[in-house]
Amino acid sequence: MEDYLEAIRTLSENESSVKVTQLSDALNVSKPSVTAAVTRLAGEGLVHHQRYGAIELTTKGRELADDVCHRHDVLRVFLIEILGVPEETAERDACRLEHHLSPDSSVRLARFLAFVLQDASEKPQWLDEFVSSMSQRDAEADSASVLRDSRP
């Protein structure tokens, strides 16, 4: 359900209203699946929706969607900036992880990122060394894989 809230929030930033078809396209799910999910979200007081009408987040739904988006952003930044994960992979992984991160861990991770990345002009030396070592290890692993795969 958090994916739906996040998608409604994102779509509503760009559009005046969000419809079932837009949500279906954004999440790559069927319209009946969207309708069922939106009905459930409405029942929980997270969205307003009238049949064939726009889908709007309630105040409670907006707060939850904002929290999900925040967790997603924190995880994505951590994966990219701290661990050196490629952006596409980090985006996918953040989508998966955001639903399992506790509020306490989310706050602590955000504080860690703010502390480590506080000087926007340059990353700490240890972080650059870590990312560089990870890139070197990835290259070595790729070379070993090629050698292993080319053996008869």
N, C-alpha and C. Protein backbone atom coordinates (compact mmCIF):
# COMPACT_ATOMS: atom_id res chain seq x y z
N MET A 1 0.82 -1.19 0.00
CA MET A 1 0.00 0.00 0.00
C MET A 1 0.87 1.26 0.00
N GLU A 2 2.07 1.16 0.60
CA GLU A 2 2.95 2.32 0.62
C GLU A 2 3.37 2.73 -0.79
N ASP A 3 3.54 1.74 -1.68
CA ASP A 3 3.90 2.07 -3.06
C ASP A 3 2.81 2.91 -3.72
N TYR A 4 1.56 2.60 -3.43
CA TYR A 4 0.44 3.36 -3.98
C TYR A 4 0.45 4.79 -3.45
N LEU A 5 0.66 4.93 -2.14
CA LEU A 5 0.68 6.27 -1.55
C LEU A 5 1.82 7.09 -2.13
N GLU A 6 2.98 6.47 -2.26
CA GLU A 6 4.14 7.15 -2.82
C GLU A 6 3.87 7.58 -4.27
N ALA A 7 3.27 6.69 -5.04
CA ALA A 7 2.97 7.01 -6.45
C ALA A 7 1.92 8.11 -6.56
N ILE A 8 0.89 8.07 -5.73
CA ILE A 8 -0.14 9.12 -5.74
C ILE A 8 0.51 10.46 -5.41
N ARG A 9 1.36 10.47 -4.41
CA ARG A 9 2.05 11.71 -4.02
C ARG A 9 2.88 12.25 -5.17
N THR A 10 3.67 11.39 -5.79
CA THR A 10 4.54 11.80 -6.89
C THR A 10 3.74 12.30 -8.08
N LEU A 11 2.70 11.55 -8.44
CA LEU A 11 1.87 11.95 -9.59
C LEU A 11 1.12 13.26 -9.31
N SER A 12 0.68 13.45 -8.08
CA SER A 12 -0.09 14.65 -7.76
C SER A 12 0.78 15.91 -7.78
N GLU A 13 2.09 15.74 -7.69
CA GLU A 13 3.00 16.89 -7.79
C GLU A 13 3.04 17.42 -9.22
N ASN A 14 2.84 16.53 -10.20
CA ASN A 14 2.94 16.90 -11.61
C ASN A 14 1.60 17.12 -12.28
N GLU A 15 0.56 16.58 -11.71
CA GLU A 15 -0.77 16.64 -12.32
C GLU A 15 -1.74 17.31 -11.35
N SER A 16 -2.80 17.87 -11.90
CA SER A 16 -3.80 18.48 -11.03
C SER A 16 -4.61 17.43 -10.29
N SER A 17 -4.78 16.26 -10.93
CA SER A 17 -5.48 15.17 -10.27
C SER A 17 -4.89 13.84 -10.73
N VAL A 18 -5.07 12.83 -9.91
CA VAL A 18 -4.55 11.50 -10.21
C VAL A 18 -5.72 10.57 -10.46
N LYS A 19 -5.67 9.86 -11.57
CA LYS A 19 -6.72 8.91 -11.95
C LYS A 19 -6.19 7.49 -11.85
N VAL A 20 -7.11 6.53 -11.83
CA VAL A 20 -6.77 5.12 -11.73
C VAL A 20 -5.82 4.72 -12.87
N THR A 21 -6.10 5.18 -14.08
CA THR A 21 -5.27 4.81 -15.23
C THR A 21 -3.83 5.29 -15.05
N GLN A 22 -3.65 6.51 -14.55
CA GLN A 22 -2.30 7.03 -14.33
C GLN A 22 -1.56 6.19 -13.29
N LEU A 23 -2.24 5.84 -12.25
CA LEU A 23 -1.65 5.03 -11.19
C LEU A 23 -1.31 3.63 -11.70
N SER A 24 -2.20 3.08 -12.51
CA SER A 24 -1.97 1.78 -13.11
C SER A 24 -0.71 1.80 -13.98
N ASP A 25 -0.58 2.84 -14.79
CA ASP A 25 0.59 2.97 -15.66
C ASP A 25 1.86 3.18 -14.85
N ALA A 26 1.79 4.03 -13.84
CA ALA A 26 2.97 4.35 -13.03
C ALA A 26 3.49 3.13 -12.27
N LEU A 27 2.59 2.30 -11.78
CA LEU A 27 3.00 1.14 -10.98
C LEU A 27 3.08 -0.15 -11.79
N ASN A 28 2.67 -0.04 -13.06
CA ASN A 28 2.69 -1.21 -13.95
C ASN A 28 1.85 -2.36 -13.37
N VAL A 29 0.64 -2.01 -12.94
CA VAL A 29 -0.32 -2.99 -12.42
C VAL A 29 -1.65 -2.78 -13.13
N SER A 30 -2.54 -3.74 -13.01
CA SER A 30 -3.83 -3.64 -13.68
C SER A 30 -4.73 -2.61 -13.01
N LYS A 31 -5.68 -2.10 -13.77
CA LYS A 31 -6.64 -1.14 -13.22
C LYS A 31 -7.47 -1.75 -12.09
N PRO A 32 -7.91 -3.01 -12.21
CA PRO A 32 -8.64 -3.61 -11.08
C PRO A 32 -7.79 -3.68 -9.81
N SER A 33 -6.49 -3.92 -9.97
CA SER A 33 -5.61 -3.94 -8.80
C SER A 33 -5.54 -2.57 -8.15
N VAL A 34 -5.46 -1.53 -8.98
CA VAL A 34 -5.43 -0.16 -8.47
C VAL A 34 -6.74 0.16 -7.76
N THR A 35 -7.85 -0.20 -8.38
CA THR A 35 -9.15 0.06 -7.79
C THR A 35 -9.28 -0.61 -6.43
N ALA A 36 -8.84 -1.85 -6.33
CA ALA A 36 -8.90 -2.57 -5.06
C ALA A 36 -8.02 -1.90 -4.01
N ALA A 37 -6.82 -1.51 -4.41
CA ALA A 37 -5.90 -0.87 -3.47
C ALA A 37 -6.43 0.49 -3.02
N VAL A 38 -6.96 1.26 -3.96
CA VAL A 38 -7.49 2.59 -3.63
C VAL A 38 -8.70 2.46 -2.70
N THR A 39 -9.53 1.45 -2.94
CA THR A 39 -10.68 1.21 -2.06
C THR A 39 -10.20 0.91 -0.64
N ARG A 40 -9.16 0.10 -0.54
CA ARG A 40 -8.59 -0.24 0.77
C ARG A 40 -8.00 1.01 1.43
N LEU A 41 -7.25 1.81 0.65
CA LEU A 41 -6.66 3.03 1.19
C LEU A 41 -7.74 4.01 1.65
N ALA A 42 -8.82 4.10 0.89
CA ALA A 42 -9.94 4.97 1.27
C ALA A 42 -10.57 4.48 2.57
N GLY A 43 -10.70 3.16 2.70
CA GLY A 43 -11.26 2.58 3.91
C GLY A 43 -10.41 2.86 5.13
N GLU A 44 -9.10 3.03 4.93
CA GLU A 44 -8.18 3.33 6.03
C GLU A 44 -8.02 4.83 6.25
N GLY A 45 -8.78 5.61 5.47
CA GLY A 45 -8.74 7.06 5.63
C GLY A 45 -7.49 7.72 5.07
N LEU A 46 -6.83 7.07 4.11
CA LEU A 46 -5.59 7.59 3.55
C LEU A 46 -5.78 8.34 2.23
N VAL A 47 -6.90 8.05 1.53
CA VAL A 47 -7.21 8.75 0.28
C VAL A 47 -8.70 9.06 0.21
N HIS A 48 -9.01 10.05 -0.63
CA HIS A 48 -10.39 10.33 -1.01
C HIS A 48 -10.51 9.88 -2.46
N HIS A 49 -11.57 9.15 -2.76
CA HIS A 49 -11.78 8.71 -4.13
C HIS A 49 -13.25 8.39 -4.35
N GLN A 50 -13.79 8.99 -5.41
CA GLN A 50 -15.13 8.64 -5.84
C GLN A 50 -14.98 7.87 -7.14
N ARG A 51 -15.86 6.93 -7.36
CA ARG A 51 -15.80 6.10 -8.55
C ARG A 51 -15.63 6.95 -9.80
N TYR A 52 -14.62 6.59 -10.62
CA TYR A 52 -14.25 7.29 -11.85
C TYR A 52 -13.72 8.69 -11.61
N GLY A 53 -13.47 9.05 -10.36
CA GLY A 53 -12.98 10.39 -10.05
C GLY A 53 -11.50 10.38 -9.70
N ALA A 54 -11.04 11.53 -9.32
CA ALA A 54 -9.64 11.70 -8.94
C ALA A 54 -9.35 11.03 -7.60
N ILE A 55 -8.10 10.68 -7.42
CA ILE A 55 -7.62 10.09 -6.16
C ILE A 55 -6.79 11.17 -5.48
N GLU A 56 -7.15 11.48 -4.24
CA GLU A 56 -6.43 12.50 -3.48
C GLU A 56 -6.03 11.95 -2.13
N LEU A 57 -4.83 12.30 -1.71
CA LEU A 57 -4.37 11.90 -0.39
C LEU A 57 -5.07 12.72 0.69
N THR A 58 -5.43 12.07 1.77
CA THR A 58 -5.92 12.79 2.94
C THR A 58 -4.69 13.34 3.68
N THR A 59 -4.92 14.09 4.72
CA THR A 59 -3.79 14.60 5.51
C THR A 59 -2.98 13.43 6.06
N LYS A 60 -3.68 12.43 6.58
CA LYS A 60 -3.01 11.24 7.12
C LYS A 60 -2.26 10.49 6.00
N GLY A 61 -2.88 10.38 4.83
CA GLY A 61 -2.24 9.72 3.69
C GLY A 61 -1.02 10.47 3.21
N ARG A 62 -1.11 11.80 3.20
CA ARG A 62 0.03 12.65 2.79
C ARG A 62 1.19 12.47 3.75
N GLU A 63 0.90 12.42 5.05
CA GLU A 63 1.96 12.23 6.04
C GLU A 63 2.66 10.89 5.85
N LEU A 64 1.88 9.85 5.62
CA LEU A 64 2.47 8.52 5.40
C LEU A 64 3.26 8.49 4.09
N ALA A 65 2.72 9.08 3.04
CA ALA A 65 3.41 9.12 1.75
C ALA A 65 4.71 9.91 1.87
N ASP A 66 4.67 11.02 2.59
CA ASP A 66 5.89 11.82 2.81
C ASP A 66 6.94 10.99 3.54
N ASP A 67 6.52 10.21 4.53
CA ASP A 67 7.44 9.37 5.28
C ASP A 67 8.07 8.31 4.38
N VAL A 68 7.26 7.69 3.54
CA VAL A 68 7.77 6.67 2.62
C VAL A 68 8.78 7.30 1.67
N CYS A 69 8.44 8.45 1.12
CA CYS A 69 9.35 9.14 0.19
C CYS A 69 10.65 9.53 0.88
N HIS A 70 10.54 9.96 2.13
CA HIS A 70 11.75 10.33 2.89
C HIS A 70 12.64 9.11 3.09
N ARG A 71 12.05 8.00 3.51
CA ARG A 71 12.84 6.76 3.69
C ARG A 71 13.50 6.35 2.39
N HIS A 72 12.74 6.45 1.30
CA HIS A 72 13.27 6.09 -0.02
C HIS A 72 14.47 6.97 -0.37
N ASP A 73 14.31 8.28 -0.18
CA ASP A 73 15.39 9.22 -0.53
C ASP A 73 16.64 8.98 0.32
N VAL A 74 16.44 8.75 1.62
CA VAL A 74 17.58 8.50 2.51
C VAL A 74 18.32 7.23 2.09
N LEU A 75 17.58 6.19 1.81
CA LEU A 75 18.21 4.93 1.39
C LEU A 75 18.93 5.09 0.05
N ARG A 76 18.30 5.77 -0.89
CA ARG A 76 18.92 5.97 -2.22
C ARG A 76 20.23 6.75 -2.08
N VAL A 77 20.20 7.83 -1.30
CA VAL A 77 21.41 8.63 -1.09
C VAL A 77 22.49 7.80 -0.40
N PHE A 78 22.11 7.03 0.61
CA PHE A 78 23.07 6.17 1.30
C PHE A 78 23.72 5.18 0.33
N LEU A 79 22.90 4.53 -0.46
CA LEU A 79 23.43 3.54 -1.39
C LEU A 79 24.35 4.16 -2.44
N ILE A 80 23.98 5.33 -2.94
CA ILE A 80 24.79 5.98 -3.97
C ILE A 80 26.03 6.65 -3.38
N GLU A 81 25.81 7.53 -2.40
CA GLU A 81 26.89 8.38 -1.89
C GLU A 81 27.83 7.67 -0.93
N ILE A 82 27.32 6.74 -0.14
CA ILE A 82 28.16 6.07 0.85
C ILE A 82 28.71 4.76 0.32
N LEU A 83 27.83 3.95 -0.29
CA LEU A 83 28.28 2.63 -0.75
C LEU A 83 28.73 2.61 -2.21
N GLY A 84 28.45 3.69 -2.95
CA GLY A 84 28.89 3.76 -4.34
C GLY A 84 28.11 2.85 -5.27
N VAL A 85 26.88 2.53 -4.91
CA VAL A 85 26.02 1.69 -5.74
C VAL A 85 25.56 2.50 -6.95
N PRO A 86 25.55 1.92 -8.15
CA PRO A 86 25.06 2.66 -9.32
C PRO A 86 23.62 3.14 -9.11
N GLU A 87 23.30 4.30 -9.69
CA GLU A 87 22.00 4.94 -9.44
C GLU A 87 20.81 4.05 -9.74
N GLU A 88 20.83 3.35 -10.86
CA GLU A 88 19.70 2.50 -11.23
C GLU A 88 19.48 1.39 -10.20
N THR A 89 20.55 0.77 -9.76
CA THR A 89 20.47 -0.28 -8.75
C THR A 89 20.01 0.30 -7.42
N ALA A 90 20.57 1.46 -7.06
CA ALA A 90 20.20 2.10 -5.80
C ALA A 90 18.72 2.45 -5.77
N GLU A 91 18.18 2.90 -6.89
CA GLU A 91 16.76 3.25 -6.97
C GLU A 91 15.90 2.01 -6.72
N ARG A 92 16.23 0.91 -7.38
CA ARG A 92 15.47 -0.34 -7.19
C ARG A 92 15.57 -0.85 -5.76
N ASP A 93 16.79 -0.84 -5.23
CA ASP A 93 17.01 -1.35 -3.87
C ASP A 93 16.32 -0.46 -2.84
N ALA A 94 16.35 0.85 -3.04
CA ALA A 94 15.68 1.76 -2.11
C ALA A 94 14.19 1.48 -2.08
N CYS A 95 13.60 1.17 -3.25
CA CYS A 95 12.17 0.83 -3.32
C CYS A 95 11.86 -0.42 -2.49
N ARG A 96 12.77 -1.36 -2.51
CA ARG A 96 12.55 -2.59 -1.76
C ARG A 96 12.77 -2.39 -0.26
N LEU A 97 13.80 -1.66 0.08
CA LEU A 97 14.18 -1.50 1.48
C LEU A 97 13.31 -0.53 2.26
N GLU A 98 12.76 0.47 1.59
CA GLU A 98 12.00 1.52 2.28
C GLU A 98 10.85 0.97 3.12
N HIS A 99 10.30 -0.15 2.72
CA HIS A 99 9.14 -0.72 3.41
C HIS A 99 9.52 -1.48 4.68
N HIS A 100 10.81 -1.76 4.84
CA HIS A 100 11.26 -2.57 5.96
C HIS A 100 12.10 -1.79 6.96
N LEU A 101 12.33 -0.53 6.68
CA LEU A 101 13.16 0.30 7.55
C LEU A 101 12.29 0.89 8.67
N SER A 102 12.72 0.66 9.90
CA SER A 102 11.95 1.19 11.04
C SER A 102 12.11 2.71 11.11
N PRO A 103 11.17 3.37 11.76
CA PRO A 103 11.30 4.83 11.93
C PRO A 103 12.60 5.22 12.62
N ASP A 104 13.00 4.47 13.65
CA ASP A 104 14.24 4.78 14.37
C ASP A 104 15.45 4.65 13.45
N SER A 105 15.51 3.57 12.69
CA SER A 105 16.63 3.38 11.76
C SER A 105 16.64 4.45 10.68
N SER A 106 15.47 4.83 10.23
CA SER A 106 15.36 5.88 9.21
C SER A 106 15.92 7.20 9.73
N VAL A 107 15.56 7.56 10.94
CA VAL A 107 16.05 8.80 11.55
C VAL A 107 17.57 8.74 11.73
N ARG A 108 18.06 7.62 12.24
CA ARG A 108 19.50 7.48 12.48
C ARG A 108 20.28 7.50 11.16
N LEU A 109 19.75 6.86 10.15
CA LEU A 109 20.43 6.85 8.85
C LEU A 109 20.46 8.25 8.25
N ALA A 110 19.36 8.98 8.36
CA ALA A 110 19.31 10.36 7.86
C ALA A 110 20.32 11.24 8.62
N ARG A 111 20.42 11.05 9.93
CA ARG A 111 21.39 11.82 10.72
C ARG A 111 22.82 11.47 10.33
N PHE A 112 23.07 10.18 10.10
CA PHE A 112 24.40 9.74 9.68
C PHE A 112 24.77 10.40 8.35
N LEU A 113 23.85 10.37 7.40
CA LEU A 113 24.11 10.99 6.10
C LEU A 113 24.38 12.49 6.24
N ALA A 114 23.57 13.16 7.05
CA ALA A 114 23.77 14.59 7.26
C ALA A 114 25.14 14.85 7.88
N PHE A 115 25.55 14.01 8.81
CA PHE A 115 26.86 14.17 9.46
C PHE A 115 27.99 13.94 8.47
N VAL A 116 27.91 12.85 7.73
CA VAL A 116 28.99 12.49 6.80
C VAL A 116 29.06 13.44 5.61
N LEU A 117 27.90 13.84 5.13
CA LEU A 117 27.86 14.67 3.92
C LEU A 117 27.60 16.14 4.24
N GLN A 118 27.91 16.57 5.46
CA GLN A 118 27.59 17.93 5.88
C GLN A 118 28.27 19.00 5.05
N ASP A 119 29.46 18.74 4.55
CA ASP A 119 30.15 19.71 3.71
C ASP A 119 29.90 19.33 2.26
N ALA A 120 28.96 20.00 1.62
CA ALA A 120 28.55 19.65 0.26
C ALA A 120 29.66 19.83 -0.76
N SER A 121 30.69 20.60 -0.41
CA SER A 121 31.75 20.86 -1.38
C SER A 121 32.66 19.66 -1.60
N GLU A 122 32.79 18.81 -0.59
CA GLU A 122 33.63 17.63 -0.80
C GLU A 122 33.30 16.53 0.21
N LYS A 123 33.46 15.30 -0.25
CA LYS A 123 33.21 14.15 0.62
C LYS A 123 34.42 13.95 1.53
N PRO A 124 34.20 13.35 2.70
CA PRO A 124 35.34 13.04 3.56
C PRO A 124 36.31 12.10 2.84
N GLN A 125 37.57 12.22 3.15
CA GLN A 125 38.59 11.42 2.48
C GLN A 125 38.33 9.92 2.65
N TRP A 126 37.93 9.52 3.86
CA TRP A 126 37.71 8.09 4.10
C TRP A 126 36.59 7.55 3.21
N LEU A 127 35.62 8.40 2.91
CA LEU A 127 34.51 7.96 2.08
C LEU A 127 34.97 7.80 0.63
N ASP A 128 35.75 8.74 0.14
CA ASP A 128 36.30 8.61 -1.21
C ASP A 128 37.17 7.36 -1.32
N GLU A 129 37.96 7.09 -0.29
CA GLU A 129 38.82 5.89 -0.29
C GLU A 129 37.98 4.62 -0.29
N PHE A 130 36.91 4.63 0.49
CA PHE A 130 36.03 3.46 0.53
C PHE A 130 35.38 3.21 -0.83
N VAL A 131 34.80 4.25 -1.43
CA VAL A 131 34.14 4.11 -2.74
C VAL A 131 35.15 3.66 -3.78
N SER A 132 36.35 4.22 -3.72
CA SER A 132 37.40 3.84 -4.66
C SER A 132 37.78 2.37 -4.47
N SER A 133 37.90 1.93 -3.22
CA SER A 133 38.24 0.52 -2.96
C SER A 133 37.14 -0.42 -3.45
N MET A 134 35.89 0.02 -3.31
CA MET A 134 34.77 -0.80 -3.80
C MET A 134 34.82 -0.92 -5.32
N SER A 135 35.13 0.17 -6.00
CA SER A 135 35.23 0.15 -7.46
C SER A 135 36.36 -0.78 -7.89
N GLN A 136 37.48 -0.72 -7.16
CA GLN A 136 38.61 -1.59 -7.48
C GLN A 136 38.24 -3.05 -7.26
N ARG A 137 37.54 -3.35 -6.16
CA ARG A 137 37.12 -4.72 -5.88
C ARG A 137 36.12 -5.22 -6.93
N ASP A 138 35.23 -4.33 -7.37
CA ASP A 138 34.27 -4.70 -8.43
C ASP A 138 35.02 -5.05 -9.71
N ALA A 139 36.02 -4.26 -10.05
CA ALA A 139 36.79 -4.51 -11.27
C ALA A 139 37.55 -5.83 -11.16
N GLU A 140 38.12 -6.10 -9.99
CA GLU A 140 38.84 -7.35 -9.77
C GLU A 140 37.89 -8.54 -9.85
N ALA A 141 36.70 -8.39 -9.28
CA ALA A 141 35.71 -9.47 -9.33
C ALA A 141 35.26 -9.71 -10.76
N ASP A 142 35.08 -8.66 -11.54
CA ASP A 142 34.70 -8.80 -12.95
C ASP A 142 35.78 -9.53 -13.73
N SER A 143 37.07 -9.19 -13.46
CA SER A 143 38.18 -9.86 -14.13
C SER A 143 38.23 -11.33 -13.77
N ALA A 144 38.05 -11.63 -12.50
CA ALA A 144 38.08 -13.03 -12.05
C ALA A 144 36.93 -13.80 -12.68
N SER A 145 35.77 -13.17 -12.80
CA SER A 145 34.61 -13.81 -13.40
C SER A 145 34.86 -14.13 -14.86
N VAL A 146 35.46 -13.21 -15.58
CA VAL A 146 35.76 -13.42 -17.00
C VAL A 146 36.73 -14.59 -17.15
N LEU A 147 37.79 -14.61 -16.31
CA LEU A 147 38.75 -15.70 -16.37
C LEU A 147 38.09 -17.03 -16.04
N ARG A 148 37.24 -17.05 -15.02
CA ARG A 148 36.58 -18.29 -14.60
C ARG A 148 35.62 -18.79 -15.70
N ASP A 149 34.90 -17.86 -16.32
CA ASP A 149 33.93 -18.23 -17.34
C ASP A 149 34.58 -18.66 -18.65
N SER A 150 35.85 -18.26 -18.89
CA SER A 150 36.48 -18.57 -20.16
C SER A 150 37.22 -19.92 -20.12
N ARG A 151 37.27 -20.54 -18.95
CA ARG A 151 37.93 -21.84 -18.83
C ARG A 151 37.07 -22.92 -19.48
N PRO A 152 37.75 -23.90 -20.14
CA PRO A 152 36.98 -25.00 -20.78
C PRO A 152 36.37 -25.94 -19.78
